[in-house]
N, C-alpha and C. Protein backbone atom coordinates (compact mmCIF):
# COMPACT_ATOMS: atom_id res chain seq x y z
N MET A 1 82.37 144.81 137.18
CA MET A 1 81.39 145.45 135.62
C MET A 1 80.28 146.80 136.59
N LYS A 2 80.83 148.04 136.23
CA LYS A 2 79.65 148.84 137.00
C LYS A 2 78.27 148.84 135.45
N PHE A 3 77.62 149.24 136.60
CA PHE A 3 76.07 149.58 135.28
C PHE A 3 75.86 151.19 136.00
N GLU A 4 76.69 151.51 134.82
CA GLU A 4 76.19 153.29 134.98
C GLU A 4 75.95 154.01 133.29
N THR A 5 74.89 154.78 133.39
CA THR A 5 74.46 154.99 132.48
C THR A 5 75.46 156.09 131.60
N ASP A 6 75.20 156.70 130.63
CA ASP A 6 76.25 157.88 130.12
C ASP A 6 76.01 159.00 131.01
N LEU A 7 74.99 159.23 131.29
CA LEU A 7 74.86 160.74 131.82
C LEU A 7 75.45 160.64 133.66
N HIS A 8 75.27 159.26 134.06
CA HIS A 8 76.01 159.59 135.29
C HIS A 8 77.72 158.99 135.22
N ARG A 9 78.26 159.15 134.16
CA ARG A 9 79.31 159.01 134.16
C ARG A 9 80.03 160.07 133.36
N ALA A 10 79.02 161.19 132.52
CA ALA A 10 79.46 162.50 131.54
C ALA A 10 79.34 163.79 133.60
N LYS A 11 78.37 163.19 134.19
CA LYS A 11 78.54 164.15 135.78
C LYS A 11 79.70 163.92 136.17
N GLY A 12 80.51 163.27 136.16
CA GLY A 12 81.54 162.94 136.79
C GLY A 12 82.77 163.32 136.51
N LEU A 13 82.71 163.67 135.50
CA LEU A 13 83.62 164.14 134.45
C LEU A 13 83.74 165.76 134.68
N GLY A 14 82.94 166.58 134.68
CA GLY A 14 82.26 167.68 134.84
C GLY A 14 82.54 168.41 133.78
N SER A 15 81.99 167.81 132.66
CA SER A 15 82.09 168.73 131.23
C SER A 15 80.93 169.28 130.79
N ALA A 16 79.87 169.32 131.71
CA ALA A 16 78.15 169.99 131.24
C ALA A 16 78.83 170.92 132.33
N LYS A 17 79.28 171.28 133.35
CA LYS A 17 79.99 172.51 133.85
C LYS A 17 80.51 173.51 132.86
N ARG A 18 81.73 173.20 132.87
CA ARG A 18 82.99 173.47 131.67
C ARG A 18 81.95 174.13 129.95
N GLY A 19 80.89 173.33 129.84
CA GLY A 19 80.13 173.99 128.85
C GLY A 19 79.49 174.98 128.87
N LEU A 20 78.40 175.09 129.92
CA LEU A 20 77.66 175.95 130.64
C LEU A 20 78.89 177.09 130.92
N ILE A 21 79.99 177.02 131.05
CA ILE A 21 80.91 178.31 131.17
C ILE A 21 81.02 178.57 130.10
N HIS A 22 81.52 178.21 129.34
CA HIS A 22 81.95 178.45 127.83
C HIS A 22 80.96 178.98 127.28
N TRP A 23 79.31 178.99 127.26
CA TRP A 23 78.25 178.90 126.73
C TRP A 23 78.04 180.75 127.28
N MET A 24 78.01 180.72 128.74
CA MET A 24 77.86 182.05 129.14
C MET A 24 78.88 182.84 129.06
N ALA A 25 79.86 182.62 128.88
CA ALA A 25 81.13 183.65 128.31
C ALA A 25 80.81 183.87 127.40
N GLN A 26 80.30 183.27 126.37
CA GLN A 26 80.20 183.50 124.40
C GLN A 26 79.36 185.12 124.73
N ARG A 27 78.06 184.50 125.75
CA ARG A 27 76.68 185.36 125.52
C ARG A 27 77.58 186.62 126.15
N VAL A 28 77.96 186.40 127.26
CA VAL A 28 78.26 187.90 128.15
C VAL A 28 79.46 188.77 127.52
N THR A 29 80.06 188.05 126.67
CA THR A 29 81.25 188.98 125.56
C THR A 29 80.65 189.34 124.09
N ALA A 30 79.29 188.39 123.84
CA ALA A 30 78.64 188.78 122.84
C ALA A 30 77.79 190.29 122.76
N VAL A 31 77.18 190.20 124.29
CA VAL A 31 76.55 191.50 124.75
C VAL A 31 77.50 192.35 125.11
N ALA A 32 78.66 192.41 125.61
CA ALA A 32 79.45 193.26 125.74
C ALA A 32 80.12 194.20 124.65
N LEU A 33 80.14 192.99 123.00
CA LEU A 33 80.58 193.87 122.27
C LEU A 33 79.92 194.86 121.21
N ILE A 34 78.69 194.41 121.91
CA ILE A 34 77.42 195.26 120.81
C ILE A 34 77.50 196.48 121.04
N PRO A 35 77.81 197.38 122.27
CA PRO A 35 77.70 198.49 122.70
C PRO A 35 79.05 199.03 122.38
N LEU A 36 80.26 198.33 122.73
CA LEU A 36 82.00 199.06 122.49
C LEU A 36 81.91 198.34 120.90
N GLY A 37 81.31 197.58 120.16
CA GLY A 37 81.55 197.75 118.78
C GLY A 37 80.83 198.73 117.90
N ILE A 38 79.61 199.00 118.66
CA ILE A 38 79.18 200.45 117.63
C ILE A 38 79.97 201.46 118.50
N TRP A 39 80.46 201.33 119.06
CA TRP A 39 81.20 202.98 119.83
C TRP A 39 82.43 202.92 118.76
N PHE A 40 83.19 201.64 119.09
CA PHE A 40 84.56 201.85 118.15
C PHE A 40 84.11 201.83 116.32
N VAL A 41 83.21 201.22 116.01
CA VAL A 41 83.47 201.52 114.35
C VAL A 41 82.81 202.97 114.42
N GLY A 42 82.09 203.45 115.22
CA GLY A 42 81.42 204.57 114.81
C GLY A 42 82.29 205.66 114.89
N ALA A 43 83.51 205.88 116.08
CA ALA A 43 84.76 206.32 116.42
C ALA A 43 86.02 206.11 114.68
N PHE A 44 85.63 204.84 114.31
CA PHE A 44 86.83 205.05 113.26
C PHE A 44 86.61 205.25 112.18
N LEU A 45 85.26 205.45 111.97
CA LEU A 45 84.58 205.78 110.85
C LEU A 45 85.13 207.48 110.28
N LEU A 46 84.67 207.86 112.20
CA LEU A 46 84.96 209.21 111.68
C LEU A 46 86.52 209.86 111.75
N LEU A 47 87.34 208.63 112.32
CA LEU A 47 89.11 209.10 112.31
C LEU A 47 89.69 208.67 111.00
N ILE A 48 88.95 207.55 110.28
CA ILE A 48 89.46 207.28 108.98
C ILE A 48 90.63 208.18 108.05
N PHE A 49 89.57 209.00 107.90
CA PHE A 49 90.46 210.48 107.50
C PHE A 49 91.47 211.59 107.40
N ALA A 50 90.83 211.02 109.09
CA ALA A 50 91.97 212.01 109.85
C ALA A 50 93.80 212.00 109.87
N PRO A 51 94.06 213.33 110.05
CA PRO A 51 95.45 213.03 110.51
C PRO A 51 95.78 212.07 111.98
N PHE A 52 96.93 211.84 111.73
CA PHE A 52 96.94 210.66 113.12
C PHE A 52 97.58 211.56 114.17
N ASP A 53 97.27 213.11 114.18
CA ASP A 53 97.67 213.87 115.11
C ASP A 53 95.96 214.25 116.15
N GLN A 54 95.27 214.09 114.65
CA GLN A 54 93.90 213.63 115.67
C GLN A 54 93.73 212.70 116.11
N ALA A 55 93.75 211.62 115.46
CA ALA A 55 93.59 210.29 116.12
C ALA A 55 94.68 210.01 117.61
N ARG A 56 95.72 210.55 117.77
CA ARG A 56 96.31 210.58 118.55
C ARG A 56 95.48 211.60 119.73
N LEU A 57 95.00 212.39 119.39
CA LEU A 57 94.24 213.35 120.27
C LEU A 57 92.76 212.59 120.92
N TRP A 58 92.27 212.01 120.37
CA TRP A 58 91.17 211.45 120.61
C TRP A 58 91.30 210.08 121.33
N LEU A 59 92.78 209.65 121.39
CA LEU A 59 92.83 208.32 121.97
C LEU A 59 93.80 209.16 123.42
N SER A 60 93.81 210.30 123.66
CA SER A 60 94.50 211.06 124.66
C SER A 60 93.57 210.75 125.64
N SER A 61 92.40 210.46 125.77
CA SER A 61 91.70 210.41 127.19
C SER A 61 91.89 209.06 127.62
N PRO A 62 91.68 208.88 129.13
CA PRO A 62 91.63 208.16 129.71
C PRO A 62 90.11 206.85 129.78
N TRP A 63 89.29 207.38 129.48
CA TRP A 63 88.02 206.80 129.22
C TRP A 63 88.19 206.32 128.03
N VAL A 64 88.34 206.85 126.53
CA VAL A 64 88.61 206.60 124.84
C VAL A 64 89.71 204.86 125.46
N VAL A 65 91.23 205.14 126.29
CA VAL A 65 91.85 203.72 125.86
C VAL A 65 90.79 202.90 127.02
N THR A 66 90.71 203.11 128.04
CA THR A 66 90.04 202.09 128.70
C THR A 66 88.78 201.38 128.02
N ALA A 67 88.32 202.31 126.91
CA ALA A 67 86.66 201.41 126.21
C ALA A 67 87.84 200.67 125.69
N THR A 68 88.74 201.30 124.51
CA THR A 68 89.35 200.61 123.42
C THR A 68 89.88 199.30 123.70
N ILE A 69 90.39 199.19 125.01
CA ILE A 69 91.05 197.89 125.18
C ILE A 69 90.37 196.55 125.76
N LEU A 70 89.03 197.33 126.60
CA LEU A 70 88.09 196.39 126.90
C LEU A 70 87.41 196.02 125.45
N PHE A 71 87.55 197.09 124.55
CA PHE A 71 86.99 196.11 122.98
C PHE A 71 87.70 195.17 122.78
N VAL A 72 88.86 195.36 122.91
CA VAL A 72 90.02 194.44 122.65
C VAL A 72 89.73 193.29 122.74
N LEU A 73 90.03 193.60 124.66
CA LEU A 73 89.78 191.87 125.54
C LEU A 73 88.40 191.12 125.19
N ALA A 74 87.15 191.96 124.96
CA ALA A 74 86.21 190.99 124.45
C ALA A 74 86.41 190.36 123.30
N LEU A 75 86.77 191.47 122.27
CA LEU A 75 87.00 190.93 120.75
C LEU A 75 87.28 189.08 120.87
N PHE A 76 88.81 189.56 121.34
CA PHE A 76 89.63 188.28 121.31
C PHE A 76 89.18 186.87 122.09
N TYR A 77 88.67 187.41 123.05
CA TYR A 77 88.14 186.41 124.03
C TYR A 77 86.97 185.98 123.00
N HIS A 78 86.26 186.79 122.86
CA HIS A 78 85.04 186.18 122.02
C HIS A 78 85.52 185.04 120.75
N GLY A 79 86.60 186.02 120.61
CA GLY A 79 86.79 184.80 119.02
C GLY A 79 87.48 183.65 119.31
N CYS A 80 88.35 183.44 120.24
CA CYS A 80 89.00 182.20 120.63
C CYS A 80 87.71 181.39 121.19
N LEU A 81 86.90 181.72 121.77
CA LEU A 81 85.81 180.54 122.08
C LEU A 81 84.83 180.31 121.15
N GLY A 82 84.60 181.29 120.20
CA GLY A 82 84.03 180.59 118.56
C GLY A 82 84.77 179.73 118.24
N MET A 83 86.16 179.95 118.02
CA MET A 83 87.42 179.27 116.94
C MET A 83 86.89 177.67 118.42
N GLN A 84 87.05 177.72 119.37
CA GLN A 84 87.24 176.52 120.40
C GLN A 84 86.02 175.81 119.96
N GLY A 85 84.57 176.65 119.90
CA GLY A 85 83.66 175.46 119.51
C GLY A 85 83.69 174.86 118.27
N ILE A 86 84.58 175.61 117.42
CA ILE A 86 84.57 175.09 115.87
C ILE A 86 85.57 174.57 115.92
N TRP A 87 86.14 174.65 116.41
CA TRP A 87 87.43 172.78 116.65
C TRP A 87 86.88 172.10 117.48
N GLU A 88 86.33 172.03 118.19
CA GLU A 88 85.61 170.78 119.12
C GLU A 88 84.40 170.29 118.37
N ASP A 89 84.01 171.12 117.06
CA ASP A 89 82.73 170.05 116.72
C ASP A 89 83.26 169.59 115.24
N TYR A 90 84.50 170.35 114.71
CA TYR A 90 85.01 169.59 113.61
C TYR A 90 86.50 168.83 113.16
N ILE A 91 86.68 168.45 114.58
CA ILE A 91 87.98 168.02 114.81
C ILE A 91 88.23 166.39 115.26
N PRO A 92 88.02 165.58 114.65
CA PRO A 92 87.70 164.48 115.20
C PRO A 92 88.46 163.56 116.15
N HIS A 93 90.14 163.79 116.14
CA HIS A 93 90.86 163.46 116.85
C HIS A 93 91.26 164.46 117.62
N GLU A 94 91.60 163.70 119.10
CA GLU A 94 91.39 164.61 119.73
C GLU A 94 92.82 165.41 120.62
N GLY A 95 94.14 164.36 120.36
CA GLY A 95 95.09 165.03 120.48
C GLY A 95 95.29 166.31 119.38
N THR A 96 95.03 166.17 117.94
CA THR A 96 94.89 167.33 117.26
C THR A 96 93.96 168.45 117.81
N ARG A 97 93.42 167.97 117.89
CA ARG A 97 91.92 169.30 118.53
C ARG A 97 92.13 170.04 119.65
N TRP A 98 92.94 169.52 120.57
CA TRP A 98 93.34 170.03 122.12
C TRP A 98 94.67 171.16 121.68
N GLY A 99 95.40 170.52 120.29
CA GLY A 99 96.59 171.07 120.11
C GLY A 99 96.38 172.50 119.20
N VAL A 100 95.48 172.31 118.37
CA VAL A 100 94.74 173.55 117.80
C VAL A 100 93.98 173.87 118.76
N ILE A 101 93.19 174.01 119.83
CA ILE A 101 92.40 174.71 120.38
C ILE A 101 93.76 175.71 121.32
N LEU A 102 94.89 174.85 121.80
CA LEU A 102 95.91 175.69 122.63
C LEU A 102 96.62 176.69 121.38
N ALA A 103 97.29 176.36 120.61
CA ALA A 103 97.54 176.97 119.65
C ALA A 103 96.48 178.63 119.12
N THR A 104 95.26 178.35 119.16
CA THR A 104 94.21 179.48 119.09
C THR A 104 94.50 180.27 120.44
N LYS A 105 94.22 180.00 121.65
CA LYS A 105 94.26 180.57 123.14
C LYS A 105 95.88 181.28 122.99
N PHE A 106 96.67 180.47 122.30
CA PHE A 106 97.69 181.54 122.29
C PHE A 106 98.18 182.49 121.73
N LEU A 107 97.42 182.30 120.68
CA LEU A 107 97.55 183.40 119.37
C LEU A 107 96.62 184.64 119.80
N GLY A 108 95.21 184.41 120.14
CA GLY A 108 94.45 185.58 120.99
C GLY A 108 95.29 186.26 122.14
N ILE A 109 96.02 185.26 122.65
CA ILE A 109 96.62 186.20 124.59
C ILE A 109 97.52 187.12 123.24
N PHE A 110 98.48 186.76 122.68
CA PHE A 110 99.71 187.13 121.68
C PHE A 110 99.23 188.17 121.10
N LEU A 111 98.13 188.26 120.52
CA LEU A 111 97.50 189.27 119.44
C LEU A 111 96.66 190.32 120.58
N SER A 112 96.38 189.53 121.59
CA SER A 112 95.40 191.08 122.19
C SER A 112 96.75 191.91 122.97
N LEU A 113 97.79 191.44 123.74
CA LEU A 113 98.79 191.30 124.33
C LEU A 113 98.98 192.72 122.95
N VAL A 114 99.57 192.45 121.96
CA VAL A 114 100.33 193.00 121.12
C VAL A 114 99.61 194.72 120.78
N SER A 115 98.19 194.50 120.88
CA SER A 115 97.11 195.24 120.32
C SER A 115 97.18 196.39 121.61
N ILE A 116 97.07 195.65 123.02
CA ILE A 116 96.82 196.37 124.06
C ILE A 116 98.33 197.67 124.23
N VAL A 117 99.55 196.95 123.95
CA VAL A 117 100.72 197.34 124.42
C VAL A 117 100.88 198.22 123.43
N SER A 118 100.45 198.06 121.96
CA SER A 118 100.23 199.30 120.81
C SER A 118 99.24 200.67 121.11
N ILE A 119 98.11 200.53 121.45
CA ILE A 119 97.06 201.35 121.88
C ILE A 119 97.66 201.99 123.07
N LEU A 120 98.34 201.40 124.26
CA LEU A 120 99.11 202.02 125.43
C LEU A 120 100.14 202.98 124.83
N LYS A 121 100.64 202.31 123.85
CA LYS A 121 102.08 203.23 123.65
C LYS A 121 101.67 204.43 122.54
N VAL A 122 100.87 204.34 122.25
CA VAL A 122 99.99 205.82 121.38
C VAL A 122 99.71 206.54 122.93
N TYR A 123 98.75 206.28 124.08
CA TYR A 123 98.23 207.27 124.48
C TYR A 123 99.67 207.81 125.49
N LEU A 124 100.52 206.93 125.79
CA LEU A 124 101.51 207.15 126.66
C LEU A 124 102.78 208.45 126.20
N ASN A 125 102.59 208.25 125.03
CA ASN A 125 103.54 209.03 124.19
C ASN A 125 102.91 210.60 124.06
N PRO A 126 103.82 211.51 124.18
CA PRO A 126 103.27 213.13 123.86
C PRO A 126 103.14 213.27 122.71
């Protein structure tokens, strides 16, 4: 029989380090989303009633495409991190929790890839 405290057992699992990385990633993506989100929403509001050709012309700049892809990546990654925190807090059964977290990650990856392919399709087609 070992006499270990809960804190000592938790250190051995490395759970505190993973939690810190998760927390830092949420903060970094949140900070990145502030300027990218303001830029993207502002551009979207200017182009909402514009014809498709004008929007395509706007998206023909490499800087705009890069910023849009960065926005999509930060947005989906931040969303997946946030949903993982919710699932960890509110789903009591460990197997179900990890299944839902894994499904959320796959959905986030799939949707971000679809978004990036769509952006590149508009950018690369003349």
